[in-house]
PDB file of all heavy atoms in Angstrom:
ATOM      1  N   ASP A   1       2.454   7.981   2.515  1.00  0.00           N
ATOM      2  CA  ASP A   1       3.374   8.635   1.582  1.00  0.00           C
ATOM      3  C   ASP A   1       3.887   7.647   0.538  1.00  0.00           C
ATOM      4  O   ASP A   1       3.961   7.985  -0.660  1.00  0.00           O
ATOM      5  CB  ASP A   1       4.569   9.229   2.343  1.00  0.00           C
ATOM      6  CG  ASP A   1       4.194  10.475   3.120  1.00  0.00           C
ATOM      7  OD1 ASP A   1       3.115  11.044   2.850  1.00  0.00           O
ATOM      8  OD2 ASP A   1       4.965  10.872   4.017  1.00  0.00           O
ATOM      9  N   PHE A   2       4.230   6.438   0.961  1.00  0.00           N
ATOM     10  CA  PHE A   2       4.762   5.461   0.016  1.00  0.00           C
ATOM     11  C   PHE A   2       3.695   5.050  -0.995  1.00  0.00           C
ATOM     12  O   PHE A   2       3.978   4.923  -2.192  1.00  0.00           O
ATOM     13  CB  PHE A   2       5.293   4.230   0.757  1.00  0.00           C
ATOM     14  CG  PHE A   2       5.998   3.262  -0.144  1.00  0.00           C
ATOM     15  CD1 PHE A   2       7.276   3.530  -0.612  1.00  0.00           C
ATOM     16  CD2 PHE A   2       5.385   2.080  -0.537  1.00  0.00           C
ATOM     17  CE1 PHE A   2       7.932   2.644  -1.459  1.00  0.00           C
ATOM     18  CE2 PHE A   2       6.025   1.190  -1.384  1.00  0.00           C
ATOM     19  CZ  PHE A   2       7.302   1.475  -1.842  1.00  0.00           C
ATOM     20  N   PHE A   3       2.482   4.871  -0.528  1.00  0.00           N
ATOM     21  CA  PHE A   3       1.410   4.472  -1.431  1.00  0.00           C
ATOM     22  C   PHE A   3       1.109   5.580  -2.440  1.00  0.00           C
ATOM     23  O   PHE A   3       1.018   5.337  -3.648  1.00  0.00           O
ATOM     24  CB  PHE A   3       0.149   4.126  -0.634  1.00  0.00           C
ATOM     25  CG  PHE A   3      -0.955   3.560  -1.486  1.00  0.00           C
ATOM     26  CD1 PHE A   3      -0.956   2.227  -1.845  1.00  0.00           C
ATOM     27  CD2 PHE A   3      -1.978   4.379  -1.937  1.00  0.00           C
ATOM     28  CE1 PHE A   3      -1.972   1.708  -2.645  1.00  0.00           C
ATOM     29  CE2 PHE A   3      -2.994   3.872  -2.738  1.00  0.00           C
ATOM     30  CZ  PHE A   3      -2.986   2.533  -3.094  1.00  0.00           C
ATOM     31  N   GLN A   4       0.965   6.799  -1.954  1.00  0.00           N
ATOM     32  CA  GLN A   4       0.618   7.912  -2.829  1.00  0.00           C
ATOM     33  C   GLN A   4       1.748   8.267  -3.788  1.00  0.00           C
ATOM     34  O   GLN A   4       1.526   8.422  -5.004  1.00  0.00           O
ATOM     35  CB  GLN A   4       0.254   9.143  -1.989  1.00  0.00           C
ATOM     36  CG  GLN A   4      -1.053   9.019  -1.221  1.00  0.00           C
ATOM     37  CD  GLN A   4      -1.333  10.258  -0.387  1.00  0.00           C
ATOM     38  OE1 GLN A   4      -0.414  10.968   0.033  1.00  0.00           O
ATOM     39  NE2 GLN A   4      -2.605  10.530  -0.130  1.00  0.00           N
ATOM     40  N   ASN A   5       2.969   8.395  -3.252  1.00  0.00           N
ATOM     41  CA  ASN A   5       4.068   8.923  -4.039  1.00  0.00           C
ATOM     42  C   ASN A   5       4.769   7.877  -4.909  1.00  0.00           C
ATOM     43  O   ASN A   5       5.263   8.213  -5.996  1.00  0.00           O
ATOM     44  CB  ASN A   5       5.102   9.580  -3.120  1.00  0.00           C
ATOM     45  CG  ASN A   5       4.521  10.745  -2.345  1.00  0.00           C
ATOM     46  OD1 ASN A   5       3.582  11.404  -2.802  1.00  0.00           O
ATOM     47  ND2 ASN A   5       5.058  11.003  -1.158  1.00  0.00           N
ATOM     48  N   THR A   6       4.816   6.635  -4.420  1.00  0.00           N
ATOM     49  CA  THR A   6       5.552   5.599  -5.151  1.00  0.00           C
ATOM     50  C   THR A   6       4.621   4.646  -5.888  1.00  0.00           C
ATOM     51  O   THR A   6       4.674   4.544  -7.123  1.00  0.00           O
ATOM     52  CB  THR A   6       6.467   4.804  -4.198  1.00  0.00           C
ATOM     53  OG1 THR A   6       7.426   5.705  -3.626  1.00  0.00           O
ATOM     54  CG2 THR A   6       7.195   3.697  -4.930  1.00  0.00           C
ATOM     55  N   ILE A   7       3.768   3.961  -5.159  1.00  0.00           N
ATOM     56  CA  ILE A   7       2.929   2.938  -5.781  1.00  0.00           C
ATOM     57  C   ILE A   7       2.003   3.547  -6.824  1.00  0.00           C
ATOM     58  O   ILE A   7       1.855   3.023  -7.942  1.00  0.00           O
ATOM     59  CB  ILE A   7       2.134   2.164  -4.704  1.00  0.00           C
ATOM     60  CG1 ILE A   7       3.109   1.372  -3.825  1.00  0.00           C
ATOM     61  CG2 ILE A   7       1.111   1.228  -5.353  1.00  0.00           C
ATOM     62  CD1 ILE A   7       2.457   0.632  -2.677  1.00  0.00           C
ATOM     63  N   VAL A   8       1.407   4.689  -6.498  1.00  0.00           N
ATOM     64  CA  VAL A   8       0.509   5.349  -7.449  1.00  0.00           C
ATOM     65  C   VAL A   8       1.259   6.378  -8.297  1.00  0.00           C
ATOM     66  O   VAL A   8       1.234   6.331  -9.532  1.00  0.00           O
ATOM     67  CB  VAL A   8      -0.665   6.018  -6.712  1.00  0.00           C
ATOM     68  CG1 VAL A   8      -1.575   6.735  -7.719  1.00  0.00           C
ATOM     69  CG2 VAL A   8      -1.466   4.971  -5.935  1.00  0.00           C
ATOM     70  N   GLY A   9       1.949   7.304  -7.629  1.00  0.00           N
ATOM     71  CA  GLY A   9       2.578   8.404  -8.351  1.00  0.00           C
ATOM     72  C   GLY A   9       3.739   7.996  -9.234  1.00  0.00           C
ATOM     73  O   GLY A   9       3.861   8.455 -10.374  1.00  0.00           O
ATOM     74  N   LYS A  10       4.612   7.135  -8.727  1.00  0.00           N
ATOM     75  CA  LYS A  10       5.812   6.743  -9.473  1.00  0.00           C
ATOM     76  C   LYS A  10       5.534   5.645 -10.493  1.00  0.00           C
ATOM     77  O   LYS A  10       6.036   5.691 -11.622  1.00  0.00           O
ATOM     78  CB  LYS A  10       6.891   6.274  -8.485  1.00  0.00           C
ATOM     79  CG  LYS A  10       8.189   5.783  -9.122  1.00  0.00           C
ATOM     80  CD  LYS A  10       8.987   6.918  -9.728  1.00  0.00           C
ATOM     81  CE  LYS A  10      10.339   6.435 -10.229  1.00  0.00           C
ATOM     82  NZ  LYS A  10      11.092   7.521 -10.904  1.00  0.00           N
ATOM     83  N   LEU A  11       4.703   4.660 -10.103  1.00  0.00           N
ATOM     84  CA  LEU A  11       4.487   3.501 -10.971  1.00  0.00           C
ATOM     85  C   LEU A  11       3.244   3.614 -11.844  1.00  0.00           C
ATOM     86  O   LEU A  11       3.164   3.008 -12.903  1.00  0.00           O
ATOM     87  CB  LEU A  11       4.396   2.223 -10.130  1.00  0.00           C
ATOM     88  CG  LEU A  11       5.641   1.841  -9.325  1.00  0.00           C
ATOM     89  CD1 LEU A  11       5.363   0.575  -8.518  1.00  0.00           C
ATOM     90  CD2 LEU A  11       6.840   1.631 -10.227  1.00  0.00           C
ATOM     91  N   GLY A  12       2.238   4.355 -11.367  1.00  0.00           N
ATOM     92  CA  GLY A  12       0.992   4.450 -12.105  1.00  0.00           C
ATOM     93  C   GLY A  12       0.020   3.323 -11.798  1.00  0.00           C
ATOM     94  O   GLY A  12      -0.826   2.967 -12.638  1.00  0.00           O
ATOM     95  N   THR A  13       0.107   2.753 -10.607  1.00  0.00           N
ATOM     96  CA  THR A  13      -0.682   1.580 -10.244  1.00  0.00           C
ATOM     97  C   THR A  13      -2.178   1.873 -10.216  1.00  0.00           C
ATOM     98  O   THR A  13      -2.621   2.865  -9.656  1.00  0.00           O
ATOM     99  CB  THR A  13      -0.223   1.058  -8.869  1.00  0.00           C
ATOM    100  OG1 THR A  13       1.170   0.724  -8.947  1.00  0.00           O
ATOM    101  CG2 THR A  13      -1.025  -0.156  -8.438  1.00  0.00           C
ATOM    102  N   LYS A  14      -2.945   0.938 -10.815  1.00  0.00           N
ATOM    103  CA  LYS A  14      -4.403   1.036 -10.813  1.00  0.00           C
ATOM    104  C   LYS A  14      -5.047  -0.054  -9.965  1.00  0.00           C
ATOM    105  O   LYS A  14      -6.235   0.023  -9.638  1.00  0.00           O
ATOM    106  CB  LYS A  14      -4.946   0.941 -12.249  1.00  0.00           C
ATOM    107  CG  LYS A  14      -4.694   2.188 -13.071  1.00  0.00           C
ATOM    108  CD  LYS A  14      -5.475   3.383 -12.502  1.00  0.00           C
ATOM    109  CE  LYS A  14      -5.283   4.642 -13.338  1.00  0.00           C
ATOM    110  NZ  LYS A  14      -3.916   5.197 -13.230  1.00  0.00           N
ATOM    111  N   ALA A  15      -4.291  -1.101  -9.630  1.00  0.00           N
ATOM    112  CA  ALA A  15      -4.821  -2.195  -8.816  1.00  0.00           C
ATOM    113  C   ALA A  15      -3.669  -2.842  -8.055  1.00  0.00           C
ATOM    114  O   ALA A  15      -2.520  -2.814  -8.494  1.00  0.00           O
ATOM    115  CB  ALA A  15      -5.532  -3.227  -9.689  1.00  0.00           C
ATOM    116  N   MET A  16      -4.012  -3.429  -6.894  1.00  0.00           N
ATOM    117  CA  MET A  16      -3.016  -4.152  -6.097  1.00  0.00           C
ATOM    118  C   MET A  16      -3.605  -5.477  -5.638  1.00  0.00           C
ATOM    119  O   MET A  16      -4.805  -5.592  -5.389  1.00  0.00           O
ATOM    120  CB  MET A  16      -2.589  -3.342  -4.869  1.00  0.00           C
ATOM    121  CG  MET A  16      -1.635  -2.196  -5.158  1.00  0.00           C
ATOM    122  SD  MET A  16      -0.889  -1.557  -3.622  1.00  0.00           S
ATOM    123  CE  MET A  16       0.313  -2.832  -3.243  1.00  0.00           C
ATOM    124  N   VAL A  17      -2.737  -6.457  -5.523  1.00  0.00           N
ATOM    125  CA  VAL A  17      -3.073  -7.735  -4.902  1.00  0.00           C
ATOM    126  C   VAL A  17      -2.106  -7.913  -3.735  1.00  0.00           C
ATOM    127  O   VAL A  17      -0.891  -7.792  -3.908  1.00  0.00           O
ATOM    128  CB  VAL A  17      -2.930  -8.900  -5.898  1.00  0.00           C
ATOM    129  CG1 VAL A  17      -3.131 -10.232  -5.193  1.00  0.00           C
ATOM    130  CG2 VAL A  17      -3.917  -8.750  -7.042  1.00  0.00           C
ATOM    131  N   VAL A  18      -2.645  -8.171  -2.542  1.00  0.00           N
ATOM    132  CA  VAL A  18      -1.804  -8.266  -1.354  1.00  0.00           C
ATOM    133  C   VAL A  18      -2.160  -9.520  -0.568  1.00  0.00           C
ATOM    134  O   VAL A  18      -3.267 -10.049  -0.671  1.00  0.00           O
ATOM    135  CB  VAL A  18      -1.952  -7.023  -0.445  1.00  0.00           C
ATOM    136  CG1 VAL A  18      -1.511  -5.762  -1.176  1.00  0.00           C
ATOM    137  CG2 VAL A  18      -3.383  -6.878   0.063  1.00  0.00           C
ATOM    138  N   GLY A  19      -1.209  -9.993   0.255  1.00  0.00           N
ATOM    139  CA  GLY A  19      -1.435 -11.149   1.102  1.00  0.00           C
ATOM    140  C   GLY A  19      -2.193 -10.781   2.358  1.00  0.00           C
ATOM    141  O   GLY A  19      -2.288  -9.608   2.735  1.00  0.00           O
ATOM    142  N   PHE A  20      -2.698 -11.795   3.044  1.00  0.00           N
ATOM    143  CA  PHE A  20      -3.522 -11.567   4.232  1.00  0.00           C
ATOM    144  C   PHE A  20      -2.743 -10.905   5.362  1.00  0.00           C
ATOM    145  O   PHE A  20      -3.306 -10.174   6.176  1.00  0.00           O
ATOM    146  CB  PHE A  20      -4.107 -12.901   4.725  1.00  0.00           C
ATOM    147  CG  PHE A  20      -3.104 -13.788   5.420  1.00  0.00           C
ATOM    148  CD1 PHE A  20      -3.068 -13.862   6.799  1.00  0.00           C
ATOM    149  CD2 PHE A  20      -2.191 -14.539   4.697  1.00  0.00           C
ATOM    150  CE1 PHE A  20      -2.145 -14.678   7.439  1.00  0.00           C
ATOM    151  CE2 PHE A  20      -1.276 -15.357   5.324  1.00  0.00           C
ATOM    152  CZ  PHE A  20      -1.245 -15.429   6.698  1.00  0.00           C
ATOM    153  N   ASN A  21      -1.436 -11.157   5.426  1.00  0.00           N
ATOM    154  CA  ASN A  21      -0.613 -10.570   6.491  1.00  0.00           C
ATOM    155  C   ASN A  21       0.263  -9.444   5.974  1.00  0.00           C
ATOM    156  O   ASN A  21       1.270  -9.086   6.569  1.00  0.00           O
ATOM    157  CB  ASN A  21       0.265 -11.642   7.136  1.00  0.00           C
ATOM    158  CG  ASN A  21       1.194 -12.311   6.135  1.00  0.00           C
ATOM    159  OD1 ASN A  21       1.064 -12.112   4.925  1.00  0.00           O
ATOM    160  ND2 ASN A  21       2.123 -13.111   6.627  1.00  0.00           N
ATOM    161  N   HIS A  22      -0.151  -8.867   4.846  1.00  0.00           N
ATOM    162  CA  HIS A  22       0.610  -7.788   4.210  1.00  0.00           C
ATOM    163  C   HIS A  22       0.639  -6.548   5.096  1.00  0.00           C
ATOM    164  O   HIS A  22      -0.379  -6.143   5.666  1.00  0.00           O
ATOM    165  CB  HIS A  22      -0.061  -7.453   2.870  1.00  0.00           C
ATOM    166  CG  HIS A  22       0.490  -6.244   2.196  1.00  0.00           C
ATOM    167  ND1 HIS A  22       1.579  -6.295   1.353  1.00  0.00           N
ATOM    168  CD2 HIS A  22       0.103  -4.944   2.231  1.00  0.00           C
ATOM    169  CE1 HIS A  22       1.828  -5.077   0.900  1.00  0.00           C
ATOM    170  NE2 HIS A  22       0.954  -4.253   1.412  1.00  0.00           N
ATOM    171  N   ALA A  23       1.804  -5.931   5.205  1.00  0.00           N
ATOM    172  CA  ALA A  23       1.930  -4.663   5.924  1.00  0.00           C
ATOM    173  C   ALA A  23       3.232  -3.994   5.496  1.00  0.00           C
ATOM    174  O   ALA A  23       4.241  -4.662   5.285  1.00  0.00           O
ATOM    175  CB  ALA A  23       1.926  -4.882   7.432  1.00  0.00           C
ATOM    176  N   PHE A  24       3.207  -2.676   5.364  1.00  0.00           N
ATOM    177  CA  PHE A  24       4.414  -1.943   4.974  1.00  0.00           C
ATOM    178  C   PHE A  24       4.365  -0.561   5.569  1.00  0.00           C
ATOM    179  O   PHE A  24       3.371  -0.140   6.163  1.00  0.00           O
ATOM    180  CB  PHE A  24       4.537  -1.879   3.441  1.00  0.00           C
ATOM    181  CG  PHE A  24       3.472  -1.047   2.769  1.00  0.00           C
ATOM    182  CD1 PHE A  24       3.718   0.274   2.421  1.00  0.00           C
ATOM    183  CD2 PHE A  24       2.220  -1.582   2.485  1.00  0.00           C
ATOM    184  CE1 PHE A  24       2.741   1.042   1.807  1.00  0.00           C
ATOM    185  CE2 PHE A  24       1.242  -0.827   1.862  1.00  0.00           C
ATOM    186  CZ  PHE A  24       1.504   0.490   1.525  1.00  0.00           C
ATOM    187  N   GLY A  25       5.445   0.173   5.400  1.00  0.00           N
ATOM    188  CA  GLY A  25       5.531   1.526   5.930  1.00  0.00           C
ATOM    189  C   GLY A  25       5.976   1.544   7.382  1.00  0.00           C
ATOM    190  O   GLY A  25       6.162   0.505   8.017  1.00  0.00           O
ATOM    191  N   LYS A  26       6.183   2.725   7.906  1.00  0.00           N
ATOM    192  CA  LYS A  26       6.645   2.900   9.276  1.00  0.00           C
ATOM    193  C   LYS A  26       5.745   2.154  10.250  1.00  0.00           C
ATOM    194  O   LYS A  26       4.519   2.254  10.189  1.00  0.00           O
ATOM    195  CB  LYS A  26       6.671   4.391   9.621  1.00  0.00           C
ATOM    196  CG  LYS A  26       7.246   4.689  10.998  1.00  0.00           C
ATOM    197  CD  LYS A  26       7.288   6.181  11.261  1.00  0.00           C
ATOM    198  CE  LYS A  26       7.862   6.487  12.631  1.00  0.00           C
ATOM    199  NZ  LYS A  26       7.907   7.958  12.884  1.00  0.00           N
ATOM    200  N   ASN A  27       6.374   1.334  11.104  1.00  0.00           N
ATOM    201  CA  ASN A  27       5.661   0.523  12.102  1.00  0.00           C
ATOM    202  C   ASN A  27       4.678  -0.457  11.464  1.00  0.00           C
ATOM    203  O   ASN A  27       3.742  -0.916  12.115  1.00  0.00           O
ATOM    204  CB  ASN A  27       4.926   1.413  13.110  1.00  0.00           C
ATOM    205  CG  ASN A  27       5.849   2.325  13.869  1.00  0.00           C
ATOM    206  OD1 ASN A  27       6.969   1.946  14.203  1.00  0.00           O
ATOM    207  ND2 ASN A  27       5.407   3.551  14.118  1.00  0.00           N
ATOM    208  N   ARG A  28       4.874  -0.755  10.194  1.00  0.00           N
ATOM    209  CA  ARG A  28       4.027  -1.719   9.471  1.00  0.00           C
ATOM    210  C   ARG A  28       2.541  -1.346   9.571  1.00  0.00           C
ATOM    211  O   ARG A  28       1.654  -2.188   9.703  1.00  0.00           O
ATOM    212  CB  ARG A  28       4.256  -3.139  10.014  1.00  0.00           C
ATOM    213  CG  ARG A  28       5.634  -3.688   9.678  1.00  0.00           C
ATOM    214  CD  ARG A  28       5.855  -5.076  10.262  1.00  0.00           C
ATOM    215  NE  ARG A  28       4.840  -6.033   9.831  1.00  0.00           N
ATOM    216  CZ  ARG A  28       4.859  -6.694   8.686  1.00  0.00           C
ATOM    217  NH1 ARG A  28       5.858  -6.481   7.829  1.00  0.00           N
ATOM    218  NH2 ARG A  28       3.920  -7.555   8.378  1.00  0.00           N
ATOM    219  N   GLU A  29       2.269  -0.063   9.452  1.00  0.00           N
ATOM    220  CA  GLU A  29       0.887   0.404   9.583  1.00  0.00           C
ATOM    221  C   GLU A  29       0.067   0.198   8.312  1.00  0.00           C
ATOM    222  O   GLU A  29      -1.164   0.242   8.346  1.00  0.00           O
ATOM    223  CB  GLU A  29       0.878   1.885   9.974  1.00  0.00           C
ATOM    224  CG  GLU A  29       1.450   2.142  11.364  1.00  0.00           C
ATOM    225  CD  GLU A  29       1.580   3.626  11.672  1.00  0.00           C
ATOM    226  OE1 GLU A  29       1.506   4.430  10.715  1.00  0.00           O
ATOM    227  OE2 GLU A  29       1.781   3.971  12.845  1.00  0.00           O
ATOM    228  N   GLY A  30       0.737  -0.012   7.180  1.00  0.00           N
ATOM    229  CA  GLY A  30       0.019  -0.148   5.913  1.00  0.00           C
ATOM    230  C   GLY A  30      -0.468  -1.553   5.665  1.00  0.00           C
ATOM    231  O   GLY A  30      -0.040  -2.221   4.708  1.00  0.00           O
ATOM    232  N   ASP A  31      -1.385  -2.042   6.509  1.00  0.00           N
ATOM    233  CA  ASP A  31      -1.928  -3.383   6.306  1.00  0.00           C
ATOM    234  C   ASP A  31      -3.091  -3.330   5.319  1.00  0.00           C
ATOM    235  O   ASP A  31      -3.471  -2.272   4.812  1.00  0.00           O
ATOM    236  CB  ASP A  31      -2.365  -3.999   7.632  1.00  0.00           C
ATOM    237  CG  ASP A  31      -3.382  -3.140   8.383  1.00  0.00           C
ATOM    238  OD1 ASP A  31      -4.044  -2.284   7.759  1.00  0.00           O
ATOM    239  OD2 ASP A  31      -3.521  -3.326   9.605  1.00  0.00           O
ATOM    240  N   ALA A  32      -3.670  -4.504   5.049  1.00  0.00           N
ATOM    241  CA  ALA A  32      -4.713  -4.593   4.031  1.00  0.00           C
ATOM    242  C   ALA A  32      -5.921  -3.725   4.367  1.00  0.00           C
ATOM    243  O   ALA A  32      -6.523  -3.100   3.482  1.00  0.00           O
ATOM    244  CB  ALA A  32      -5.135  -6.050   3.853  1.00  0.00           C
ATOM    245  N   GLU A  33      -6.307  -3.687   5.621  1.00  0.00           N
ATOM    246  CA  GLU A  33      -7.484  -2.900   6.010  1.00  0.00           C
ATOM    247  C   GLU A  33      -7.267  -1.410   5.787  1.00  0.00           C
ATOM    248  O   GLU A  33      -8.151  -0.706   5.301  1.00  0.00           O
ATOM    249  CB  GLU A  33      -7.836  -3.183   7.478  1.00  0.00           C
ATOM    250  CG  GLU A  33      -8.359  -4.589   7.719  1.00  0.00           C
ATOM    251  CD  GLU A  33      -9.524  -4.945   6.790  1.00  0.00           C
ATOM    252  OE1 GLU A  33     -10.469  -4.136   6.689  1.00  0.00           O
ATOM    253  OE2 GLU A  33      -9.481  -6.008   6.164  1.00  0.00           O
ATOM    254  N   HIS A  34      -6.077  -0.920   6.142  1.00  0.00           N
ATOM    255  CA  HIS A  34      -5.796   0.498   5.902  1.00  0.00           C
ATOM    256  C   HIS A  34      -5.745   0.801   4.406  1.00  0.00           C
ATOM    257  O   HIS A  34      -6.204   1.850   3.952  1.00  0.00           O
ATOM    258  CB  HIS A  34      -4.471   0.901   6.557  1.00  0.00           C
ATOM    259  CG  HIS A  34      -4.573   1.116   8.039  1.00  0.00           C
ATOM    260  ND1 HIS A  34      -4.272   0.155   8.955  1.00  0.00           N
ATOM    261  CD2 HIS A  34      -4.974   2.208   8.756  1.00  0.00           C
ATOM    262  CE1 HIS A  34      -4.464   0.620  10.182  1.00  0.00           C
ATOM    263  NE2 HIS A  34      -4.887   1.867  10.092  1.00  0.00           N
ATOM    264  N   LEU A  35      -5.166  -0.145   3.637  1.00  0.00           N
ATOM    265  CA  LEU A  35      -5.100   0.061   2.191  1.00  0.00           C
ATOM    266  C   LEU A  35      -6.488   0.120   1.569  1.00  0.00           C
ATOM    267  O   LEU A  35      -6.747   0.917   0.662  1.00  0.00           O
ATOM    268  CB  LEU A  35      -4.299  -1.064   1.533  1.00  0.00           C
ATOM    269  CG  LEU A  35      -2.776  -0.917   1.490  1.00  0.00           C
ATOM    270  CD1 LEU A  35      -2.172  -2.074   0.715  1.00  0.00           C
ATOM    271  CD2 LEU A  35      -2.360   0.409   0.868  1.00  0.00           C
ATOM    272  N   LYS A  36      -7.387  -0.720   2.046  1.00  0.00           N
ATOM    273  CA  LYS A  36      -8.746  -0.743   1.494  1.00  0.00           C
ATOM    274  C   LYS A  36      -9.484   0.574   1.747  1.00  0.00           C
ATOM    275  O   LYS A  36     -10.401   0.938   1.002  1.00  0.00           O
ATOM    276  CB  LYS A  36      -9.532  -1.903   2.101  1.00  0.00           C
ATOM    277  CG  LYS A  36      -9.078  -3.270   1.606  1.00  0.00           C
ATOM    278  CD  LYS A  36      -9.820  -4.386   2.318  1.00  0.00           C
ATOM    279  CE  LYS A  36      -9.313  -5.757   1.893  1.00  0.00           C
ATOM    280  NZ  LYS A  36      -9.973  -6.858   2.634  1.00  0.00           N
ATOM    281  N   GLN A  37      -9.088   1.290   2.790  1.00  0.00           N
ATOM    282  CA  GLN A  37      -9.676   2.600   3.067  1.00  0.00           C
ATOM    283  C   GLN A  37      -9.022   3.698   2.233  1.00  0.00           C
ATOM    284  O   GLN A  37      -9.705   4.610   1.750  1.00  0.00           O
ATOM    285  CB  GLN A  37      -9.519   2.932   4.561  1.00  0.00           C
ATOM    286  CG  GLN A  37     -10.250   1.979   5.489  1.00  0.00           C
ATOM    287  CD  GLN A  37      -9.944   2.242   6.947  1.00  0.00           C
ATOM    288  OE1 GLN A  37      -9.574   3.351   7.327  1.00  0.00           O
ATOM    289  NE2 GLN A  37     -10.073   1.221   7.778  1.00  0.00           N
TER     290      GLN A  37
END
C-alpha cells in the first residue's frame, strides 16, 4: 500500500535506489527482493 499509494501515487516515482538492508512497511516486509518483484 505504501509503495503504490505514496511512493508511486503521491510522489510520481519512476526509479528507486535502496540499501542492501532496506526494509519498510508492516513487519518490515518491504525489503529489496520484494520491491524488485
